[in-house]
Amino acid sequence: MDDLTKGLESAIAERLKEGSTAAEIAALLEPVVKSNLQAKYGRAFLWLIAGLDGAVVVIVLLLGLNLLKLEAKVVMTLIGATVVQTGSICYLIAAYLFPKT
């Protein structure tokens, strides 16, 4: 077990001896659970954004090397949609994963 887990177990055991309620113990655990979720989903969103942007860069590179043929409207739509998706994902991260307290 790591030090964080041992510290939490001892803090919970101490609170139980003091007669703390379940709500008080849950409040003690909330920052730890929140930080774990932020790390998990923050990393997932980072890979999602990197994948979207990377795919568009590869397509533009293939177009520049004349290895892929697409109409200009299709390319602009692809780039525009990626910008909107990336902006939406960044908004979700900022607003819901790391809310202002």
PDB file of N, CA and C in Angstrom:
ATOM      1  N   MET A   1       0.826  -1.188   0.000  1.00  0.00           N
ATOM      2  CA  MET A   1       0.000   0.000   0.000  1.00  0.00           C
ATOM      3  C   MET A   1       0.867   1.246   0.000  1.00  0.00           C
ATOM      4  N   ASP A   2       0.417   2.262  -0.691  1.00  0.00           N
ATOM      5  CA  ASP A   2       1.174   3.500  -0.706  1.00  0.00           C
ATOM      6  C   ASP A   2       0.832   4.360   0.509  1.00  0.00           C
ATOM      7  N   ASP A   3       1.578   5.430   0.676  1.00  0.00           N
ATOM      8  CA  ASP A   3       1.407   6.291   1.850  1.00  0.00           C
ATOM      9  C   ASP A   3       0.042   6.968   1.876  1.00  0.00           C
ATOM     10  N   LEU A   4      -0.476   7.328   0.691  1.00  0.00           N
ATOM     11  CA  LEU A   4      -1.778   7.985   0.626  1.00  0.00           C
ATOM     12  C   LEU A   4      -2.874   7.064   1.138  1.00  0.00           C
ATOM     13  N   THR A   5      -2.842   5.807   0.705  1.00  0.00           N
ATOM     14  CA  THR A   5      -3.860   4.849   1.140  1.00  0.00           C
ATOM     15  C   THR A   5      -3.765   4.604   2.644  1.00  0.00           C
ATOM     16  N   LYS A   6      -2.563   4.458   3.158  1.00  0.00           N
ATOM     17  CA  LYS A   6      -2.381   4.249   4.601  1.00  0.00           C
ATOM     18  C   LYS A   6      -2.880   5.457   5.379  1.00  0.00           C
ATOM     19  N   GLY A   7      -2.571   6.640   4.882  1.00  0.00           N
ATOM     20  CA  GLY A   7      -3.018   7.853   5.548  1.00  0.00           C
ATOM     21  C   GLY A   7      -4.527   7.980   5.557  1.00  0.00           C
ATOM     22  N   LEU A   8      -5.153   7.627   4.436  1.00  0.00           N
ATOM     23  CA  LEU A   8      -6.618   7.679   4.375  1.00  0.00           C
ATOM     24  C   LEU A   8      -7.251   6.658   5.305  1.00  0.00           C
ATOM     25  N   GLU A   9      -6.694   5.455   5.333  1.00  0.00           N
ATOM     26  CA  GLU A   9      -7.238   4.424   6.211  1.00  0.00           C
ATOM     27  C   GLU A   9      -7.137   4.842   7.670  1.00  0.00           C
ATOM     28  N   SER A  10      -6.008   5.401   8.055  1.00  0.00           N
ATOM     29  CA  SER A  10      -5.860   5.829   9.447  1.00  0.00           C
ATOM     30  C   SER A  10      -6.788   6.997   9.762  1.00  0.00           C
ATOM     31  N   ALA A  11      -6.958   7.917   8.811  1.00  0.00           N
ATOM     32  CA  ALA A  11      -7.862   9.050   9.034  1.00  0.00           C
ATOM     33  C   ALA A  11      -9.306   8.580   9.157  1.00  0.00           C
ATOM     34  N   ILE A  12      -9.698   7.619   8.321  1.00  0.00           N
ATOM     35  CA  ILE A  12     -11.070   7.091   8.400  1.00  0.00           C
ATOM     36  C   ILE A  12     -11.274   6.344   9.698  1.00  0.00           C
ATOM     37  N   ALA A  13     -10.306   5.519  10.100  1.00  0.00           N
ATOM     38  CA  ALA A  13     -10.419   4.782  11.355  1.00  0.00           C
ATOM     39  C   ALA A  13     -10.523   5.739  12.541  1.00  0.00           C
ATOM     40  N   GLU A  14      -9.746   6.825  12.502  1.00  0.00           N
ATOM     41  CA  GLU A  14      -9.796   7.815  13.579  1.00  0.00           C
ATOM     42  C   GLU A  14     -11.159   8.501  13.629  1.00  0.00           C
ATOM     43  N   ARG A  15     -11.676   8.838  12.454  1.00  0.00           N
ATOM     44  CA  ARG A  15     -12.993   9.496  12.403  1.00  0.00           C
ATOM     45  C   ARG A  15     -14.104   8.564  12.883  1.00  0.00           C
ATOM     46  N   LEU A  16     -13.982   7.281  12.558  1.00  0.00           N
ATOM     47  CA  LEU A  16     -14.992   6.323  13.019  1.00  0.00           C
ATOM     48  C   LEU A  16     -14.966   6.196  14.543  1.00  0.00           C
ATOM     49  N   LYS A  17     -13.778   6.213  15.121  1.00  0.00           N
ATOM     50  CA  LYS A  17     -13.674   6.152  16.580  1.00  0.00           C
ATOM     51  C   LYS A  17     -14.285   7.378  17.234  1.00  0.00           C
ATOM     52  N   GLU A  18     -14.153   8.532  16.555  1.00  0.00           N
ATOM     53  CA  GLU A  18     -14.715   9.779  17.074  1.00  0.00           C
ATOM     54  C   GLU A  18     -16.226   9.835  16.913  1.00  0.00           C
ATOM     55  N   GLY A  19     -16.792   8.932  16.118  1.00  0.00           N
ATOM     56  CA  GLY A  19     -18.230   8.911  15.900  1.00  0.00           C
ATOM     57  C   GLY A  19     -18.686   9.782  14.748  1.00  0.00           C
ATOM     58  N   SER A  20     -17.812   9.992  13.783  1.00  0.00           N
ATOM     59  CA  SER A  20     -18.172  10.813  12.626  1.00  0.00           C
ATOM     60  C   SER A  20     -19.245  10.109  11.791  1.00  0.00           C
ATOM     61  N   THR A  21     -20.035  10.913  11.108  1.00  0.00           N
ATOM     62  CA  THR A  21     -21.074  10.361  10.252  1.00  0.00           C
ATOM     63  C   THR A  21     -20.490   9.966   8.895  1.00  0.00           C
ATOM     64  N   ALA A  22     -21.270   9.239   8.133  1.00  0.00           N
ATOM     65  CA  ALA A  22     -20.842   8.809   6.801  1.00  0.00           C
ATOM     66  C   ALA A  22     -20.613  10.010   5.890  1.00  0.00           C
ATOM     67  N   ALA A  23     -21.428  11.048   6.059  1.00  0.00           N
ATOM     68  CA  ALA A  23     -21.279  12.248   5.227  1.00  0.00           C
ATOM     69  C   ALA A  23     -19.946  12.943   5.505  1.00  0.00           C
ATOM     70  N   GLU A  24     -19.526  12.979   6.756  1.00  0.00           N
ATOM     71  CA  GLU A  24     -18.256  13.604   7.106  1.00  0.00           C
ATOM     72  C   GLU A  24     -17.082  12.806   6.541  1.00  0.00           C
ATOM     73  N   ILE A  25     -17.202  11.489   6.567  1.00  0.00           N
ATOM     74  CA  ILE A  25     -16.142  10.644   6.017  1.00  0.00           C
ATOM     75  C   ILE A  25     -16.100  10.774   4.490  1.00  0.00           C
ATOM     76  N   ALA A  26     -17.277  10.856   3.871  1.00  0.00           N
ATOM     77  CA  ALA A  26     -17.334  11.044   2.419  1.00  0.00           C
ATOM     78  C   ALA A  26     -16.702  12.377   2.026  1.00  0.00           C
ATOM     79  N   ALA A  27     -16.912  13.415   2.832  1.00  0.00           N
ATOM     80  CA  ALA A  27     -16.298  14.718   2.562  1.00  0.00           C
ATOM     81  C   ALA A  27     -14.782  14.634   2.670  1.00  0.00           C
ATOM     82  N   LEU A  28     -14.299  13.761   3.540  1.00  0.00           N
ATOM     83  CA  LEU A  28     -12.859  13.561   3.673  1.00  0.00           C
ATOM     84  C   LEU A  28     -12.269  12.918   2.420  1.00  0.00           C
ATOM     85  N   LEU A  29     -13.018  12.013   1.810  1.00  0.00           N
ATOM     86  CA  LEU A  29     -12.536  11.287   0.637  1.00  0.00           C
ATOM     87  C   LEU A  29     -12.760  12.025  -0.677  1.00  0.00           C
ATOM     88  N   GLU A  30     -13.616  13.026  -0.689  1.00  0.00           N
ATOM     89  CA  GLU A  30     -13.988  13.695  -1.938  1.00  0.00           C
ATOM     90  C   GLU A  30     -12.808  14.269  -2.725  1.00  0.00           C
ATOM     91  N   PRO A  31     -11.860  14.974  -2.095  1.00  0.00           N
ATOM     92  CA  PRO A  31     -10.739  15.513  -2.888  1.00  0.00           C
ATOM     93  C   PRO A  31      -9.890  14.436  -3.552  1.00  0.00           C
ATOM     94  N   VAL A  32      -9.721  13.298  -2.885  1.00  0.00           N
ATOM     95  CA  VAL A  32      -8.909  12.220  -3.451  1.00  0.00           C
ATOM     96  C   VAL A  32      -9.608  11.609  -4.654  1.00  0.00           C
ATOM     97  N   VAL A  33     -10.892  11.339  -4.532  1.00  0.00           N
ATOM     98  CA  VAL A  33     -11.656  10.752  -5.629  1.00  0.00           C
ATOM     99  C   VAL A  33     -11.707  11.720  -6.802  1.00  0.00           C
ATOM    100  N   LYS A  34     -11.912  13.000  -6.502  1.00  0.00           N
ATOM    101  CA  LYS A  34     -11.997  14.010  -7.551  1.00  0.00           C
ATOM    102  C   LYS A  34     -10.679  14.112  -8.319  1.00  0.00           C
ATOM    103  N   SER A  35      -9.564  14.113  -7.617  1.00  0.00           N
ATOM    104  CA  SER A  35      -8.277  14.231  -8.307  1.00  0.00           C
ATOM    105  C   SER A  35      -7.984  12.993  -9.149  1.00  0.00           C
ATOM    106  N   ASN A  36      -8.403  11.816  -8.684  1.00  0.00           N
ATOM    107  CA  ASN A  36      -8.208  10.598  -9.477  1.00  0.00           C
ATOM    108  C   ASN A  36      -9.038  10.647 -10.762  1.00  0.00           C
ATOM    109  N   LEU A  37     -10.276  11.110 -10.667  1.00  0.00           N
ATOM    110  CA  LEU A  37     -11.124  11.221 -11.859  1.00  0.00           C
ATOM    111  C   LEU A  37     -10.592  12.268 -12.824  1.00  0.00           C
ATOM    112  N   GLN A  38     -10.088  13.376 -12.288  1.00  0.00           N
ATOM    113  CA  GLN A  38      -9.523  14.403 -13.155  1.00  0.00           C
ATOM    114  C   GLN A  38      -8.320  13.870 -13.916  1.00  0.00           C
ATOM    115  N   ALA A  39      -7.481  13.121 -13.245  1.00  0.00           N
ATOM    116  CA  ALA A  39      -6.304  12.564 -13.914  1.00  0.00           C
ATOM    117  C   ALA A  39      -6.707  11.553 -14.980  1.00  0.00           C
ATOM    118  N   LYS A  40      -7.670  10.696 -14.654  1.00  0.00           N
ATOM    119  CA  LYS A  40      -8.101   9.654 -15.593  1.00  0.00           C
ATOM    120  C   LYS A  40      -8.739  10.255 -16.839  1.00  0.00           C
ATOM    121  N   TYR A  41      -9.734  11.104 -16.643  1.00  0.00           N
ATOM    122  CA  TYR A  41     -10.455  11.651 -17.785  1.00  0.00           C
ATOM    123  C   TYR A  41      -9.680  12.752 -18.483  1.00  0.00           C
ATOM    124  N   GLY A  42      -8.864  13.487 -17.762  1.00  0.00           N
ATOM    125  CA  GLY A  42      -8.022  14.497 -18.393  1.00  0.00           C
ATOM    126  C   GLY A  42      -7.070  13.875 -19.397  1.00  0.00           C
ATOM    127  N   ARG A  43      -6.478  12.746 -19.036  1.00  0.00           N
ATOM    128  CA  ARG A  43      -5.569  12.034 -19.945  1.00  0.00           C
ATOM    129  C   ARG A  43      -6.334  11.496 -21.150  1.00  0.00           C
ATOM    130  N   ALA A  44      -7.531  10.977 -20.926  1.00  0.00           N
ATOM    131  CA  ALA A  44      -8.334  10.447 -22.038  1.00  0.00           C
ATOM    132  C   ALA A  44      -8.710  11.553 -23.025  1.00  0.00           C
ATOM    133  N   PHE A  45      -9.108  12.711 -22.497  1.00  0.00           N
ATOM    134  CA  PHE A  45      -9.445  13.828 -23.378  1.00  0.00           C
ATOM    135  C   PHE A  45      -8.223  14.336 -24.122  1.00  0.00           C
ATOM    136  N   LEU A  46      -7.074  14.325 -23.470  1.00  0.00           N
ATOM    137  CA  LEU A  46      -5.843  14.733 -24.142  1.00  0.00           C
ATOM    138  C   LEU A  46      -5.556  13.836 -25.342  1.00  0.00           C
ATOM    139  N   TRP A  47      -5.689  12.529 -25.171  1.00  0.00           N
ATOM    140  CA  TRP A  47      -5.453  11.600 -26.280  1.00  0.00           C
ATOM    141  C   TRP A  47      -6.503  11.755 -27.369  1.00  0.00           C
ATOM    142  N   LEU A  48      -7.730  12.064 -26.988  1.00  0.00           N
ATOM    143  CA  LEU A  48      -8.783  12.288 -27.978  1.00  0.00           C
ATOM    144  C   LEU A  48      -8.455  13.501 -28.848  1.00  0.00           C
ATOM    145  N   ILE A  49      -8.065  14.598 -28.217  1.00  0.00           N
ATOM    146  CA  ILE A  49      -7.724  15.807 -28.961  1.00  0.00           C
ATOM    147  C   ILE A  49      -6.496  15.571 -29.834  1.00  0.00           C
ATOM    148  N   ALA A  50      -5.494  14.901 -29.280  1.00  0.00           N
ATOM    149  CA  ALA A  50      -4.283  14.624 -30.053  1.00  0.00           C
ATOM    150  C   ALA A  50      -4.594  13.742 -31.259  1.00  0.00           C
ATOM    151  N   GLY A  51      -5.469  12.763 -31.092  1.00  0.00           N
ATOM    152  CA  GLY A  51      -5.848  11.890 -32.208  1.00  0.00           C
ATOM    153  C   GLY A  51      -6.598  12.631 -33.296  1.00  0.00           C
ATOM    154  N   LEU A  52      -7.545  13.463 -32.892  1.00  0.00           N
ATOM    155  CA  LEU A  52      -8.297  14.250 -33.880  1.00  0.00           C
ATOM    156  C   LEU A  52      -7.378  15.177 -34.671  1.00  0.00           C
ATOM    157  N   ASP A  53      -6.568  15.925 -33.942  1.00  0.00           N
ATOM    158  CA  ASP A  53      -5.680  16.878 -34.621  1.00  0.00           C
ATOM    159  C   ASP A  53      -4.618  16.158 -35.439  1.00  0.00           C
ATOM    160  N   GLY A  54      -4.120  15.053 -34.941  1.00  0.00           N
ATOM    161  CA  GLY A  54      -3.120  14.279 -35.680  1.00  0.00           C
ATOM    162  C   GLY A  54      -3.669  13.723 -36.978  1.00  0.00           C
ATOM    163  N   ALA A  55      -4.909  13.255 -36.946  1.00  0.00           N
ATOM    164  CA  ALA A  55      -5.529  12.714 -38.160  1.00  0.00           C
ATOM    165  C   ALA A  55      -5.681  13.799 -39.229  1.00  0.00           C
ATOM    166  N   VAL A  56      -6.077  14.981 -38.809  1.00  0.00           N
ATOM    167  CA  VAL A  56      -6.229  16.078 -39.770  1.00  0.00           C
ATOM    168  C   VAL A  56      -4.871  16.488 -40.330  1.00  0.00           C
ATOM    169  N   VAL A  57      -3.843  16.525 -39.488  1.00  0.00           N
ATOM    170  CA  VAL A  57      -2.504  16.878 -39.970  1.00  0.00           C
ATOM    171  C   VAL A  57      -2.022  15.849 -40.991  1.00  0.00           C
ATOM    172  N   VAL A  58      -2.275  14.574 -40.746  1.00  0.00           N
ATOM    173  CA  VAL A  58      -1.864  13.530 -41.691  1.00  0.00           C
ATOM    174  C   VAL A  58      -2.600  13.695 -43.015  1.00  0.00           C
ATOM    175  N   ILE A  59      -3.887  13.984 -42.964  1.00  0.00           N
ATOM    176  CA  ILE A  59      -4.660  14.164 -44.197  1.00  0.00           C
ATOM    177  C   ILE A  59      -4.152  15.375 -44.977  1.00  0.00           C
ATOM    178  N   VAL A  60      -3.882  16.478 -44.280  1.00  0.00           N
ATOM    179  CA  VAL A  60      -3.363  17.671 -44.961  1.00  0.00           C
ATOM    180  C   VAL A  60      -1.985  17.387 -45.545  1.00  0.00           C
ATOM    181  N   LEU A  61      -1.169  16.645 -44.836  1.00  0.00           N
ATOM    182  CA  LEU A  61       0.151  16.268 -45.344  1.00  0.00           C
ATOM    183  C   LEU A  61       0.033  15.410 -46.606  1.00  0.00           C
ATOM    184  N   LEU A  62      -0.869  14.440 -46.595  1.00  0.00           N
ATOM    185  CA  LEU A  62      -1.080  13.603 -47.774  1.00  0.00           C
ATOM    186  C   LEU A  62      -1.606  14.415 -48.954  1.00  0.00           C
ATOM    187  N   LEU A  63      -2.435  15.393 -48.655  1.00  0.00           N
ATOM    188  CA  LEU A  63      -2.919  16.278 -49.722  1.00  0.00           C
ATOM    189  C   LEU A  63      -1.778  17.115 -50.289  1.00  0.00           C
ATOM    190  N   GLY A  64      -0.916  17.603 -49.416  1.00  0.00           N
ATOM    191  CA  GLY A  64       0.209  18.420 -49.867  1.00  0.00           C
ATOM    192  C   GLY A  64       1.204  17.646 -50.705  1.00  0.00           C
ATOM    193  N   LEU A  65       1.349  16.362 -50.436  1.00  0.00           N
ATOM    194  CA  LEU A  65       2.273  15.525 -51.198  1.00  0.00           C
ATOM    195  C   LEU A  65       1.612  14.900 -52.430  1.00  0.00           C
ATOM    196  N   ASN A  66       0.371  15.279 -52.685  1.00  0.00           N
ATOM    197  CA  ASN A  66      -0.416  14.761 -53.806  1.00  0.00           C
ATOM    198  C   ASN A  66      -0.601  13.233 -53.747  1.00  0.00           C
ATOM    199  N   LEU A  67      -0.644  12.696 -52.560  1.00  0.00           N
ATOM    200  CA  LEU A  67      -0.920  11.268 -52.384  1.00  0.00           C
ATOM    201  C   LEU A  67      -2.398  11.006 -52.135  1.00  0.00           C
ATOM    202  N   LEU A  68      -3.137  12.069 -51.918  1.00  0.00           N
ATOM    203  CA  LEU A  68      -4.566  11.976 -51.650  1.00  0.00           C
ATOM    204  C   LEU A  68      -5.244  13.119 -52.378  1.00  0.00           C
ATOM    205  N   LYS A  69      -6.366  12.833 -52.997  1.00  0.00           N
ATOM    206  CA  LYS A  69      -7.100  13.854 -53.747  1.00  0.00           C
ATOM    207  C   LYS A  69      -8.462  14.061 -53.093  1.00  0.00           C
ATOM    208  N   LEU A  70      -8.707  15.267 -52.634  1.00  0.00           N
ATOM    209  CA  LEU A  70     -10.005  15.657 -52.094  1.00  0.00           C
ATOM    210  C   LEU A  70     -10.328  17.056 -52.591  1.00  0.00           C
ATOM    211  N   GLU A  71     -11.603  17.334 -52.704  1.00  0.00           N
ATOM    212  CA  GLU A  71     -12.014  18.673 -53.108  1.00  0.00           C
ATOM    213  C   GLU A  71     -11.724  19.656 -51.972  1.00  0.00           C
ATOM    214  N   ALA A  72     -11.549  20.908 -52.331  1.00  0.00           N
ATOM    215  CA  ALA A  72     -11.230  21.939 -51.349  1.00  0.00           C
ATOM    216  C   ALA A  72     -12.342  22.094 -50.313  1.00  0.00           C
ATOM    217  N   LYS A  73     -13.592  21.955 -50.748  1.00  0.00           N
ATOM    218  CA  LYS A  73     -14.710  22.079 -49.810  1.00  0.00           C
ATOM    219  C   LYS A  73     -14.674  20.983 -48.752  1.00  0.00           C
ATOM    220  N   VAL A  74     -14.299  19.783 -49.164  1.00  0.00           N
ATOM    221  CA  VAL A  74     -14.222  18.662 -48.217  1.00  0.00           C
ATOM    222  C   VAL A  74     -13.109  18.903 -47.200  1.00  0.00           C
ATOM    223  N   VAL A  75     -11.975  19.390 -47.669  1.00  0.00           N
ATOM    224  CA  VAL A  75     -10.843  19.657 -46.778  1.00  0.00           C
ATOM    225  C   VAL A  75     -11.195  20.767 -45.790  1.00  0.00           C
ATOM    226  N   MET A  76     -11.806  21.832 -46.265  1.00  0.00           N
ATOM    227  CA  MET A  76     -12.195  22.932 -45.375  1.00  0.00           C
ATOM    228  C   MET A  76     -13.232  22.485 -44.351  1.00  0.00           C
ATOM    229  N   THR A  77     -14.161  21.639 -44.778  1.00  0.00           N
ATOM    230  CA  THR A  77     -15.161  21.107 -43.852  1.00  0.00           C
ATOM    231  C   THR A  77     -14.509  20.235 -42.789  1.00  0.00           C
ATOM    232  N   LEU A  78     -13.561  19.418 -43.193  1.00  0.00           N
ATOM    233  CA  LEU A  78     -12.841  18.551 -42.263  1.00  0.00           C
ATOM    234  C   LEU A  78     -12.067  19.376 -41.239  1.00  0.00           C
ATOM    235  N   ILE A  79     -11.368  20.384 -41.701  1.00  0.00           N
ATOM    236  CA  ILE A  79     -10.601  21.234 -40.791  1.00  0.00           C
ATOM    237  C   ILE A  79     -11.536  22.022 -39.869  1.00  0.00           C
ATOM    238  N   GLY A  80     -12.608  22.564 -40.423  1.00  0.00           N
ATOM    239  CA  GLY A  80     -13.568  23.319 -39.616  1.00  0.00           C
ATOM    240  C   GLY A  80     -14.243  22.469 -38.552  1.00  0.00           C
ATOM    241  N   ALA A  81     -14.631  21.264 -38.932  1.00  0.00           N
ATOM    242  CA  ALA A  81     -15.271  20.371 -37.965  1.00  0.00           C
ATOM    243  C   ALA A  81     -14.304  19.975 -36.853  1.00  0.00           C
ATOM    244  N   THR A  82     -13.046  19.782 -37.202  1.00  0.00           N
ATOM    245  CA  THR A  82     -12.047  19.430 -36.192  1.00  0.00           C
ATOM    246  C   THR A  82     -11.821  20.583 -35.226  1.00  0.00           C
ATOM    247  N   VAL A  83     -11.798  21.797 -35.730  1.00  0.00           N
ATOM    248  CA  VAL A  83     -11.640  22.966 -34.862  1.00  0.00           C
ATOM    249  C   VAL A  83     -12.812  23.064 -33.892  1.00  0.00           C
ATOM    250  N   VAL A  84     -14.022  22.870 -34.384  1.00  0.00           N
ATOM    251  CA  VAL A  84     -15.209  22.943 -33.531  1.00  0.00           C
ATOM    252  C   VAL A  84     -15.186  21.820 -32.490  1.00  0.00           C
ATOM    253  N   GLN A  85     -14.835  20.618 -32.898  1.00  0.00           N
ATOM    254  CA  GLN A  85     -14.776  19.499 -31.951  1.00  0.00           C
ATOM    255  C   GLN A  85     -13.716  19.735 -30.881  1.00  0.00           C
ATOM    256  N   THR A  86     -12.551  20.195 -31.282  1.00  0.00           N
ATOM    257  CA  THR A  86     -11.482  20.450 -30.317  1.00  0.00           C
ATOM    258  C   THR A  86     -11.895  21.548 -29.346  1.00  0.00           C
ATOM    259  N   GLY A  87     -12.511  22.596 -29.842  1.00  0.00           N
ATOM    260  CA  GLY A  87     -13.002  23.662 -28.968  1.00  0.00           C
ATOM    261  C   GLY A  87     -14.059  23.170 -27.995  1.00  0.00           C
ATOM    262  N   SER A  88     -14.961  22.328 -28.469  1.00  0.00           N
ATOM    263  CA  SER A  88     -16.010  21.778 -27.603  1.00  0.00           C
ATOM    264  C   SER A  88     -15.427  20.889 -26.513  1.00  0.00           C
ATOM    265  N   ILE A  89     -14.465  20.072 -26.875  1.00  0.00           N
ATOM    266  CA  ILE A  89     -13.840  19.181 -25.896  1.00  0.00           C
ATOM    267  C   ILE A  89     -13.075  20.003 -24.857  1.00  0.00           C
ATOM    268  N   CYS A  90     -12.362  21.028 -25.300  1.00  0.00           N
ATOM    269  CA  CYS A  90     -11.641  21.888 -24.353  1.00  0.00           C
ATOM    270  C   CYS A  90     -12.607  22.603 -23.415  1.00  0.00           C
ATOM    271  N   TYR A  91     -13.751  23.025 -23.931  1.00  0.00           N
ATOM    272  CA  TYR A  91     -14.764  23.650 -23.074  1.00  0.00           C
ATOM    273  C   TYR A  91     -15.274  22.651 -22.035  1.00  0.00           C
ATOM    274  N   LEU A  92     -15.554  21.428 -22.461  1.00  0.00           N
ATOM    275  CA  LEU A  92     -16.022  20.407 -21.516  1.00  0.00           C
ATOM    276  C   LEU A  92     -14.994  20.147 -20.426  1.00  0.00           C
ATOM    277  N   ILE A  93     -13.741  20.083 -20.803  1.00  0.00           N
ATOM    278  CA  ILE A  93     -12.686  19.856 -19.819  1.00  0.00           C
ATOM    279  C   ILE A  93     -12.649  21.005 -18.815  1.00  0.00           C
ATOM    280  N   ALA A  94     -12.656  22.229 -19.322  1.00  0.00           N
ATOM    281  CA  ALA A  94     -12.541  23.384 -18.442  1.00  0.00           C
ATOM    282  C   ALA A  94     -13.778  23.560 -17.562  1.00  0.00           C
ATOM    283  N   ALA A  95     -14.952  23.339 -18.115  1.00  0.00           N
ATOM    284  CA  ALA A  95     -16.180  23.613 -17.385  1.00  0.00           C
ATOM    285  C   ALA A  95     -16.586  22.500 -16.417  1.00  0.00           C
ATOM    286  N   TYR A  96     -16.389  21.264 -16.797  1.00  0.00           N
ATOM    287  CA  TYR A  96     -16.927  20.179 -15.986  1.00  0.00           C
ATOM    288  C   TYR A  96     -15.879  19.343 -15.275  1.00  0.00           C
ATOM    289  N   LEU A  97     -14.713  19.165 -15.872  1.00  0.00           N
ATOM    290  CA  LEU A  97     -13.686  18.349 -15.231  1.00  0.00           C
ATOM    291  C   LEU A  97     -12.924  19.169 -14.187  1.00  0.00           C
ATOM    292  N   PHE A  98     -12.757  20.467 -14.445  1.00  0.00           N
ATOM    293  CA  PHE A  98     -12.071  21.349 -13.510  1.00  0.00           C
ATOM    294  C   PHE A  98     -12.959  22.564 -13.229  1.00  0.00           C
ATOM    295  N   PRO A  99     -14.081  22.373 -12.556  1.00  0.00           N
ATOM    296  CA  PRO A  99     -15.002  23.494 -12.326  1.00  0.00           C
ATOM    297  C   PRO A  99     -14.419  24.510 -11.340  1.00  0.00           C
ATOM    298  N   LYS A 100     -14.897  25.735 -11.459  1.00  0.00           N
ATOM    299  CA  LYS A 100     -14.515  26.768 -10.501  1.00  0.00           C
ATOM    300  C   LYS A 100     -15.246  26.476  -9.196  1.00  0.00           C
ATOM    301  N   THR A 101     -14.527  26.577  -8.103  1.00  0.00           N
ATOM    302  CA  THR A 101     -15.180  26.302  -6.808  1.00  0.00           C
ATOM    303  C   THR A 101     -15.391  27.546  -6.007  1.00  0.00           C
TER     304      THR A 101
END
